[in-house]
Amino acid sequence: MAGNKEGALKAAETNKKKYGPDFYKNIGSKSWKNPERSRKTGFALNPELAKEAGRKGGKKTKSEYKKEDQWTTADELKAIIESQGDDTGVSE
């Protein structure tokens, strides 16, 4: 039952039975006491790189929304409706 809350609770229960009730406390403390573990990883090492990555991602996202063929003006809609003729079934 992996991938849901029920499965996670069963796994936690199994870990506590196998390794003791303070299993998660122990693995957490081992991790933080390890001098080999780096506290500065990823973008924390290079803020300029993070800034550049954010700029590129934002620019790409914004450019996806600025496609000219995506929007139709009122005049274009009127021309489309007129070119299709009056097949709406509504009589005047």
PDB file of N, CA and C in Angstrom:
ATOM      1  N   MET A   1       0.828  -1.194   0.000  1.00  0.00           N
ATOM      2  CA  MET A   1       0.000   0.000   0.000  1.00  0.00           C
ATOM      3  C   MET A   1       0.873   1.259   0.000  1.00  0.00           C
ATOM      4  N   ALA A   2       1.907   1.205  -0.735  1.00  0.00           N
ATOM      5  CA  ALA A   2       2.795   2.361  -0.797  1.00  0.00           C
ATOM      6  C   ALA A   2       2.125   3.502  -1.527  1.00  0.00           C
ATOM      7  N   GLY A   3       2.502   4.711  -1.157  1.00  0.00           N
ATOM      8  CA  GLY A   3       2.007   5.867  -1.877  1.00  0.00           C
ATOM      9  C   GLY A   3       0.770   6.502  -1.292  1.00  0.00           C
ATOM     10  N   ASN A   4       0.341   6.060  -0.114  1.00  0.00           N
ATOM     11  CA  ASN A   4      -0.802   6.716   0.503  1.00  0.00           C
ATOM     12  C   ASN A   4      -0.599   6.798   2.019  1.00  0.00           C
ATOM     13  N   LYS A   5      -1.469   7.490   2.684  1.00  0.00           N
ATOM     14  CA  LYS A   5      -1.323   7.737   4.116  1.00  0.00           C
ATOM     15  C   LYS A   5      -1.383   6.433   4.908  1.00  0.00           C
ATOM     16  N   GLU A   6      -2.264   5.564   4.524  1.00  0.00           N
ATOM     17  CA  GLU A   6      -2.420   4.292   5.232  1.00  0.00           C
ATOM     18  C   GLU A   6      -1.131   3.466   5.151  1.00  0.00           C
ATOM     19  N   GLY A   7      -0.541   3.421   3.969  1.00  0.00           N
ATOM     20  CA  GLY A   7       0.708   2.684   3.785  1.00  0.00           C
ATOM     21  C   GLY A   7       1.849   3.293   4.584  1.00  0.00           C
ATOM     22  N   ALA A   8       1.885   4.624   4.644  1.00  0.00           N
ATOM     23  CA  ALA A   8       2.930   5.301   5.401  1.00  0.00           C
ATOM     24  C   ALA A   8       2.803   5.007   6.896  1.00  0.00           C
ATOM     25  N   LEU A   9       1.585   4.974   7.382  1.00  0.00           N
ATOM     26  CA  LEU A   9       1.372   4.664   8.800  1.00  0.00           C
ATOM     27  C   LEU A   9       1.794   3.239   9.131  1.00  0.00           C
ATOM     28  N   LYS A  10       1.514   2.308   8.226  1.00  0.00           N
ATOM     29  CA  LYS A  10       1.929   0.918   8.436  1.00  0.00           C
ATOM     30  C   LYS A  10       3.451   0.796   8.418  1.00  0.00           C
ATOM     31  N   ALA A  11       4.092   1.500   7.519  1.00  0.00           N
ATOM     32  CA  ALA A  11       5.557   1.468   7.443  1.00  0.00           C
ATOM     33  C   ALA A  11       6.169   2.056   8.710  1.00  0.00           C
ATOM     34  N   ALA A  12       5.614   3.158   9.190  1.00  0.00           N
ATOM     35  CA  ALA A  12       6.118   3.778  10.420  1.00  0.00           C
ATOM     36  C   ALA A  12       5.957   2.828  11.600  1.00  0.00           C
ATOM     37  N   GLU A  13       4.830   2.163  11.652  1.00  0.00           N
ATOM     38  CA  GLU A  13       4.579   1.199  12.739  1.00  0.00           C
ATOM     39  C   GLU A  13       5.585   0.050  12.681  1.00  0.00           C
ATOM     40  N   THR A  14       5.845  -0.460  11.490  1.00  0.00           N
ATOM     41  CA  THR A  14       6.806  -1.544  11.312  1.00  0.00           C
ATOM     42  C   THR A  14       8.206  -1.108  11.722  1.00  0.00           C
ATOM     43  N   ASN A  15       8.619   0.088  11.311  1.00  0.00           N
ATOM     44  CA  ASN A  15       9.939   0.601  11.683  1.00  0.00           C
ATOM     45  C   ASN A  15      10.078   0.746  13.186  1.00  0.00           C
ATOM     46  N   LYS A  16       9.037   1.221  13.840  1.00  0.00           N
ATOM     47  CA  LYS A  16       9.079   1.390  15.297  1.00  0.00           C
ATOM     48  C   LYS A  16       9.139   0.046  16.010  1.00  0.00           C
ATOM     49  N   LYS A  17       8.461  -0.969  15.478  1.00  0.00           N
ATOM     50  CA  LYS A  17       8.515  -2.313  16.073  1.00  0.00           C
ATOM     51  C   LYS A  17       9.903  -2.921  15.909  1.00  0.00           C
ATOM     52  N   LYS A  18      10.475  -2.763  14.718  1.00  0.00           N
ATOM     53  CA  LYS A  18      11.780  -3.364  14.425  1.00  0.00           C
ATOM     54  C   LYS A  18      12.933  -2.676  15.158  1.00  0.00           C
ATOM     55  N   TYR A  19      12.910  -1.330  15.151  1.00  0.00           N
ATOM     56  CA  TYR A  19      14.082  -0.579  15.590  1.00  0.00           C
ATOM     57  C   TYR A  19      13.870   0.237  16.852  1.00  0.00           C
ATOM     58  N   GLY A  20      12.694   0.167  17.444  1.00  0.00           N
ATOM     59  CA  GLY A  20      12.431   0.893  18.681  1.00  0.00           C
ATOM     60  C   GLY A  20      11.535   2.096  18.461  1.00  0.00           C
ATOM     61  N   PRO A  21      10.920   2.571  19.546  1.00  0.00           N
ATOM     62  CA  PRO A  21       9.955   3.666  19.420  1.00  0.00           C
ATOM     63  C   PRO A  21      10.587   5.007  19.041  1.00  0.00           C
ATOM     64  N   ASP A  22      11.890   5.133  19.254  1.00  0.00           N
ATOM     65  CA  ASP A  22      12.543   6.396  18.909  1.00  0.00           C
ATOM     66  C   ASP A  22      13.354   6.282  17.615  1.00  0.00           C
ATOM     67  N   PHE A  23      12.890   5.449  16.697  1.00  0.00           N
ATOM     68  CA  PHE A  23      13.588   5.203  15.434  1.00  0.00           C
ATOM     69  C   PHE A  23      13.816   6.490  14.643  1.00  0.00           C
ATOM     70  N   TYR A  24      12.772   7.267  14.460  1.00  0.00           N
ATOM     71  CA  TYR A  24      12.881   8.473  13.637  1.00  0.00           C
ATOM     72  C   TYR A  24      13.729   9.544  14.323  1.00  0.00           C
ATOM     73  N   LYS A  25      13.660   9.591  15.645  1.00  0.00           N
ATOM     74  CA  LYS A  25      14.495  10.523  16.397  1.00  0.00           C
ATOM     75  C   LYS A  25      15.971  10.175  16.213  1.00  0.00           C
ATOM     76  N   ASN A  26      16.290   8.896  16.244  1.00  0.00           N
ATOM     77  CA  ASN A  26      17.679   8.451  16.101  1.00  0.00           C
ATOM     78  C   ASN A  26      18.233   8.746  14.707  1.00  0.00           C
ATOM     79  N   ILE A  27      17.477   8.439  13.681  1.00  0.00           N
ATOM     80  CA  ILE A  27      18.020   8.681  12.347  1.00  0.00           C
ATOM     81  C   ILE A  27      18.156  10.173  12.068  1.00  0.00           C
ATOM     82  N   GLY A  28      17.257  10.974  12.630  1.00  0.00           N
ATOM     83  CA  GLY A  28      17.358  12.423  12.466  1.00  0.00           C
ATOM     84  C   GLY A  28      18.572  12.991  13.175  1.00  0.00           C
ATOM     85  N   SER A  29      18.846  12.503  14.385  1.00  0.00           N
ATOM     86  CA  SER A  29      19.991  13.029  15.132  1.00  0.00           C
ATOM     87  C   SER A  29      21.298  12.586  14.489  1.00  0.00           C
ATOM     88  N   LYS A  30      21.339  11.380  13.936  1.00  0.00           N
ATOM     89  CA  LYS A  30      22.556  10.916  13.254  1.00  0.00           C
ATOM     90  C   LYS A  30      22.862  11.801  12.051  1.00  0.00           C
ATOM     91  N   SER A  31      21.841  12.169  11.353  1.00  0.00           N
ATOM     92  CA  SER A  31      22.022  12.993  10.169  1.00  0.00           C
ATOM     93  C   SER A  31      22.609  14.352  10.534  1.00  0.00           C
ATOM     94  N   TRP A  32      22.074  14.996  11.567  1.00  0.00           N
ATOM     95  CA  TRP A  32      22.522  16.338  11.924  1.00  0.00           C
ATOM     96  C   TRP A  32      23.867  16.332  12.639  1.00  0.00           C
ATOM     97  N   LYS A  33      24.249  15.216  13.245  1.00  0.00           N
ATOM     98  CA  LYS A  33      25.532  15.148  13.946  1.00  0.00           C
ATOM     99  C   LYS A  33      26.682  14.794  13.016  1.00  0.00           C
ATOM    100  N   ASN A  34      26.378  14.394  11.805  1.00  0.00           N
ATOM    101  CA  ASN A  34      27.395  13.981  10.852  1.00  0.00           C
ATOM    102  C   ASN A  34      28.167  15.198  10.349  1.00  0.00           C
ATOM    103  N   PRO A  35      29.481  15.285  10.666  1.00  0.00           N
ATOM    104  CA  PRO A  35      30.247  16.447  10.214  1.00  0.00           C
ATOM    105  C   PRO A  35      30.474  16.468   8.704  1.00  0.00           C
ATOM    106  N   GLU A  36      30.303  15.329   8.044  1.00  0.00           N
ATOM    107  CA  GLU A  36      30.490  15.251   6.595  1.00  0.00           C
ATOM    108  C   GLU A  36      29.318  15.881   5.845  1.00  0.00           C
ATOM    109  N   ARG A  37      28.192  16.006   6.533  1.00  0.00           N
ATOM    110  CA  ARG A  37      26.993  16.533   5.881  1.00  0.00           C
ATOM    111  C   ARG A  37      27.143  18.032   5.657  1.00  0.00           C
ATOM    112  N   SER A  38      26.885  18.444   4.462  1.00  0.00           N
ATOM    113  CA  SER A  38      26.997  19.843   4.125  1.00  0.00           C
ATOM    114  C   SER A  38      25.675  20.545   4.393  1.00  0.00           C
ATOM    115  N   ARG A  39      25.739  21.678   5.048  1.00  0.00           N
ATOM    116  CA  ARG A  39      24.532  22.462   5.296  1.00  0.00           C
ATOM    117  C   ARG A  39      24.241  23.380   4.109  1.00  0.00           C
ATOM    118  N   LYS A  40      25.252  23.601   3.313  1.00  0.00           N
ATOM    119  CA  LYS A  40      25.064  24.468   2.148  1.00  0.00           C
ATOM    120  C   LYS A  40      25.179  23.621   0.900  1.00  0.00           C
ATOM    121  N   THR A  41      24.060  23.378   0.301  1.00  0.00           N
ATOM    122  CA  THR A  41      24.056  22.589  -0.928  1.00  0.00           C
ATOM    123  C   THR A  41      23.200  23.294  -1.965  1.00  0.00           C
ATOM    124  N   GLY A  42      23.327  22.871  -3.168  1.00  0.00           N
ATOM    125  CA  GLY A  42      22.483  23.382  -4.247  1.00  0.00           C
ATOM    126  C   GLY A  42      22.648  24.869  -4.467  1.00  0.00           C
ATOM    127  N   PHE A  43      21.534  25.583  -4.551  1.00  0.00           N
ATOM    128  CA  PHE A  43      21.561  27.011  -4.836  1.00  0.00           C
ATOM    129  C   PHE A  43      22.132  27.826  -3.679  1.00  0.00           C
ATOM    130  N   ALA A  44      22.173  27.253  -2.471  1.00  0.00           N
ATOM    131  CA  ALA A  44      22.718  27.991  -1.335  1.00  0.00           C
ATOM    132  C   ALA A  44      24.200  28.288  -1.538  1.00  0.00           C
ATOM    133  N   LEU A  45      24.876  27.472  -2.318  1.00  0.00           N
ATOM    134  CA  LEU A  45      26.298  27.699  -2.592  1.00  0.00           C
ATOM    135  C   LEU A  45      26.518  28.818  -3.594  1.00  0.00           C
ATOM    136  N   ASN A  46      25.540  29.049  -4.447  1.00  0.00           N
ATOM    137  CA  ASN A  46      25.731  30.034  -5.515  1.00  0.00           C
ATOM    138  C   ASN A  46      24.423  30.797  -5.751  1.00  0.00           C
ATOM    139  N   PRO A  47      24.183  31.866  -4.981  1.00  0.00           N
ATOM    140  CA  PRO A  47      22.940  32.621  -5.129  1.00  0.00           C
ATOM    141  C   PRO A  47      22.765  33.231  -6.516  1.00  0.00           C
ATOM    142  N   GLU A  48      23.868  33.567  -7.167  1.00  0.00           N
ATOM    143  CA  GLU A  48      23.763  34.128  -8.517  1.00  0.00           C
ATOM    144  C   GLU A  48      23.203  33.094  -9.495  1.00  0.00           C
ATOM    145  N   LEU A  49      23.597  31.845  -9.307  1.00  0.00           N
ATOM    146  CA  LEU A  49      23.075  30.770 -10.149  1.00  0.00           C
ATOM    147  C   LEU A  49      21.573  30.606  -9.925  1.00  0.00           C
ATOM    148  N   ALA A  50      21.152  30.702  -8.667  1.00  0.00           N
ATOM    149  CA  ALA A  50      19.725  30.615  -8.350  1.00  0.00           C
ATOM    150  C   ALA A  50      18.951  31.748  -9.002  1.00  0.00           C
ATOM    151  N   LYS A  51      19.530  32.935  -8.947  1.00  0.00           N
ATOM    152  CA  LYS A  51      18.880  34.100  -9.539  1.00  0.00           C
ATOM    153  C   LYS A  51      18.717  33.923 -11.050  1.00  0.00           C
ATOM    154  N   GLU A  52      19.769  33.440 -11.679  1.00  0.00           N
ATOM    155  CA  GLU A  52      19.735  33.224 -13.129  1.00  0.00           C
ATOM    156  C   GLU A  52      18.720  32.150 -13.512  1.00  0.00           C
ATOM    157  N   ALA A  53      18.677  31.070 -12.729  1.00  0.00           N
ATOM    158  CA  ALA A  53      17.724  29.990 -13.015  1.00  0.00           C
ATOM    159  C   ALA A  53      16.290  30.487 -12.872  1.00  0.00           C
ATOM    160  N   GLY A  54      16.038  31.277 -11.843  1.00  0.00           N
ATOM    161  CA  GLY A  54      14.701  31.839 -11.655  1.00  0.00           C
ATOM    162  C   GLY A  54      14.317  32.775 -12.782  1.00  0.00           C
ATOM    163  N   ARG A  55      15.279  33.557 -13.244  1.00  0.00           N
ATOM    164  CA  ARG A  55      15.017  34.486 -14.346  1.00  0.00           C
ATOM    165  C   ARG A  55      14.662  33.718 -15.613  1.00  0.00           C
ATOM    166  N   LYS A  56      15.437  32.661 -15.896  1.00  0.00           N
ATOM    167  CA  LYS A  56      15.178  31.878 -17.110  1.00  0.00           C
ATOM    168  C   LYS A  56      13.817  31.180 -17.039  1.00  0.00           C
ATOM    169  N   GLY A  57      13.499  30.618 -15.881  1.00  0.00           N
ATOM    170  CA  GLY A  57      12.213  29.937 -15.735  1.00  0.00           C
ATOM    171  C   GLY A  57      11.048  30.885 -15.872  1.00  0.00           C
ATOM    172  N   GLY A  58      11.173  32.065 -15.255  1.00  0.00           N
ATOM    173  CA  GLY A  58      10.106  33.056 -15.344  1.00  0.00           C
ATOM    174  C   GLY A  58       9.933  33.575 -16.754  1.00  0.00           C
ATOM    175  N   LYS A  59      11.041  33.774 -17.432  1.00  0.00           N
ATOM    176  CA  LYS A  59      10.976  34.279 -18.801  1.00  0.00           C
ATOM    177  C   LYS A  59      10.315  33.261 -19.716  1.00  0.00           C
ATOM    178  N   LYS A  60      10.660  31.990 -19.540  1.00  0.00           N
ATOM    179  CA  LYS A  60      10.074  30.941 -20.372  1.00  0.00           C
ATOM    180  C   LYS A  60       8.573  30.853 -20.134  1.00  0.00           C
ATOM    181  N   THR A  61       8.163  30.894 -18.865  1.00  0.00           N
ATOM    182  CA  THR A  61       6.748  30.794 -18.531  1.00  0.00           C
ATOM    183  C   THR A  61       5.979  31.976 -19.112  1.00  0.00           C
ATOM    184  N   LYS A  62       6.524  33.168 -18.942  1.00  0.00           N
ATOM    185  CA  LYS A  62       5.832  34.357 -19.446  1.00  0.00           C
ATOM    186  C   LYS A  62       5.721  34.335 -20.964  1.00  0.00           C
ATOM    187  N   SER A  63       6.775  33.868 -21.634  1.00  0.00           N
ATOM    188  CA  SER A  63       6.754  33.875 -23.091  1.00  0.00           C
ATOM    189  C   SER A  63       5.720  32.889 -23.632  1.00  0.00           C
ATOM    190  N   GLU A  64       5.416  31.852 -22.864  1.00  0.00           N
ATOM    191  CA  GLU A  64       4.394  30.894 -23.310  1.00  0.00           C
ATOM    192  C   GLU A  64       3.018  31.548 -23.351  1.00  0.00           C
ATOM    193  N   TYR A  65       2.796  32.541 -22.505  1.00  0.00           N
ATOM    194  CA  TYR A  65       1.495  33.194 -22.454  1.00  0.00           C
ATOM    195  C   TYR A  65       1.380  34.358 -23.418  1.00  0.00           C
ATOM    196  N   LYS A  66       2.473  34.754 -24.048  1.00  0.00           N
ATOM    197  CA  LYS A  66       2.459  35.927 -24.906  1.00  0.00           C
ATOM    198  C   LYS A  66       2.391  35.580 -26.388  1.00  0.00           C
ATOM    199  N   LYS A  67       1.929  34.416 -26.730  1.00  0.00           N
ATOM    200  CA  LYS A  67       1.824  34.042 -28.137  1.00  0.00           C
ATOM    201  C   LYS A  67       0.720  34.871 -28.781  1.00  0.00           C
ATOM    202  N   GLU A  68       1.036  35.457 -29.909  1.00  0.00           N
ATOM    203  CA  GLU A  68       0.079  36.361 -30.551  1.00  0.00           C
ATOM    204  C   GLU A  68      -1.134  35.622 -31.098  1.00  0.00           C
ATOM    205  N   ASP A  69      -0.953  34.404 -31.566  1.00  0.00           N
ATOM    206  CA  ASP A  69      -2.070  33.683 -32.160  1.00  0.00           C
ATOM    207  C   ASP A  69      -3.001  33.090 -31.107  1.00  0.00           C
ATOM    208  N   GLN A  70      -2.663  33.267 -29.851  1.00  0.00           N
ATOM    209  CA  GLN A  70      -3.480  32.704 -28.783  1.00  0.00           C
ATOM    210  C   GLN A  70      -4.744  33.535 -28.536  1.00  0.00           C
ATOM    211  N   TRP A  71      -4.672  34.840 -28.748  1.00  0.00           N
ATOM    212  CA  TRP A  71      -5.780  35.720 -28.443  1.00  0.00           C
ATOM    213  C   TRP A  71      -6.514  36.144 -29.720  1.00  0.00           C
ATOM    214  N   THR A  72      -7.819  36.258 -29.608  1.00  0.00           N
ATOM    215  CA  THR A  72      -8.644  36.677 -30.727  1.00  0.00           C
ATOM    216  C   THR A  72      -9.328  37.983 -30.354  1.00  0.00           C
ATOM    217  N   THR A  73      -9.222  38.962 -31.198  1.00  0.00           N
ATOM    218  CA  THR A  73      -9.844  40.262 -30.919  1.00  0.00           C
ATOM    219  C   THR A  73     -11.330  40.208 -31.255  1.00  0.00           C
ATOM    220  N   ALA A  74     -12.038  41.227 -30.815  1.00  0.00           N
ATOM    221  CA  ALA A  74     -13.478  41.299 -31.076  1.00  0.00           C
ATOM    222  C   ALA A  74     -13.752  41.372 -32.572  1.00  0.00           C
ATOM    223  N   ASP A  75     -12.940  42.128 -33.299  1.00  0.00           N
ATOM    224  CA  ASP A  75     -13.130  42.241 -34.751  1.00  0.00           C
ATOM    225  C   ASP A  75     -12.914  40.892 -35.433  1.00  0.00           C
ATOM    226  N   GLU A  76     -11.913  40.155 -34.964  1.00  0.00           N
ATOM    227  CA  GLU A  76     -11.649  38.832 -35.544  1.00  0.00           C
ATOM    228  C   GLU A  76     -12.803  37.871 -35.259  1.00  0.00           C
ATOM    229  N   LEU A  77     -13.355  37.945 -34.056  1.00  0.00           N
ATOM    230  CA  LEU A  77     -14.502  37.095 -33.727  1.00  0.00           C
ATOM    231  C   LEU A  77     -15.701  37.428 -34.618  1.00  0.00           C
ATOM    232  N   LYS A  78     -15.950  38.712 -34.831  1.00  0.00           N
ATOM    233  CA  LYS A  78     -17.062  39.138 -35.681  1.00  0.00           C
ATOM    234  C   LYS A  78     -16.885  38.616 -37.100  1.00  0.00           C
ATOM    235  N   ALA A  79     -15.650  38.683 -37.614  1.00  0.00           N
ATOM    236  CA  ALA A  79     -15.377  38.198 -38.972  1.00  0.00           C
ATOM    237  C   ALA A  79     -15.568  36.683 -39.053  1.00  0.00           C
ATOM    238  N   ILE A  80     -15.182  35.974 -38.026  1.00  0.00           N
ATOM    239  CA  ILE A  80     -15.344  34.509 -38.020  1.00  0.00           C
ATOM    240  C   ILE A  80     -16.819  34.146 -38.033  1.00  0.00           C
ATOM    241  N   ILE A  81     -17.596  34.839 -37.205  1.00  0.00           N
ATOM    242  CA  ILE A  81     -19.039  34.556 -37.131  1.00  0.00           C
ATOM    243  C   ILE A  81     -19.719  34.870 -38.458  1.00  0.00           C
ATOM    244  N   GLU A  82     -19.350  35.980 -39.065  1.00  0.00           N
ATOM    245  CA  GLU A  82     -19.955  36.359 -40.338  1.00  0.00           C
ATOM    246  C   GLU A  82     -19.566  35.394 -41.449  1.00  0.00           C
ATOM    247  N   SER A  83     -18.345  34.883 -41.407  1.00  0.00           N
ATOM    248  CA  SER A  83     -17.904  33.959 -42.455  1.00  0.00           C
ATOM    249  C   SER A  83     -18.587  32.604 -42.337  1.00  0.00           C
ATOM    250  N   GLN A  84     -19.033  32.254 -41.133  1.00  0.00           N
ATOM    251  CA  GLN A  84     -19.709  30.961 -40.954  1.00  0.00           C
ATOM    252  C   GLN A  84     -21.157  31.020 -41.366  1.00  0.00           C
ATOM    253  N   GLY A  85     -21.677  32.194 -41.535  1.00  0.00           N
ATOM    254  CA  GLY A  85     -23.076  32.338 -41.927  1.00  0.00           C
ATOM    255  C   GLY A  85     -23.976  32.217 -40.716  1.00  0.00           C
ATOM    256  N   ASP A  86     -25.258  32.275 -40.973  1.00  0.00           N
ATOM    257  CA  ASP A  86     -26.225  32.233 -39.884  1.00  0.00           C
ATOM    258  C   ASP A  86     -26.747  30.811 -39.746  1.00  0.00           C
ATOM    259  N   ASP A  87     -25.974  29.946 -39.115  1.00  0.00           N
ATOM    260  CA  ASP A  87     -26.433  28.579 -38.895  1.00  0.00           C
ATOM    261  C   ASP A  87     -26.676  28.317 -37.415  1.00  0.00           C
ATOM    262  N   THR A  88     -26.983  29.379 -36.665  1.00  0.00           N
ATOM    263  CA  THR A  88     -27.199  29.242 -35.229  1.00  0.00           C
ATOM    264  C   THR A  88     -28.591  28.711 -34.924  1.00  0.00           C
ATOM    265  N   GLY A  89     -29.504  28.822 -35.860  1.00  0.00           N
ATOM    266  CA  GLY A  89     -30.863  28.346 -35.647  1.00  0.00           C
ATOM    267  C   GLY A  89     -31.738  29.341 -34.935  1.00  0.00           C
ATOM    268  N   VAL A  90     -31.222  30.520 -34.684  1.00  0.00           N
ATOM    269  CA  VAL A  90     -31.983  31.549 -34.001  1.00  0.00           C
ATOM    270  C   VAL A  90     -32.619  32.450 -35.051  1.00  0.00           C
ATOM    271  N   SER A  91     -33.932  32.602 -34.972  1.00  0.00           N
ATOM    272  CA  SER A  91     -34.597  33.462 -35.950  1.00  0.00           C
ATOM    273  C   SER A  91     -34.820  34.825 -35.317  1.00  0.00           C
ATOM    274  N   GLU A  92     -34.736  35.848 -36.143  1.00  0.00           N
ATOM    275  CA  GLU A  92     -34.870  37.214 -35.625  1.00  0.00           C
ATOM    276  C   GLU A  92     -36.276  37.713 -35.725  1.00  0.00           C
TER     277      GLU A  92
END
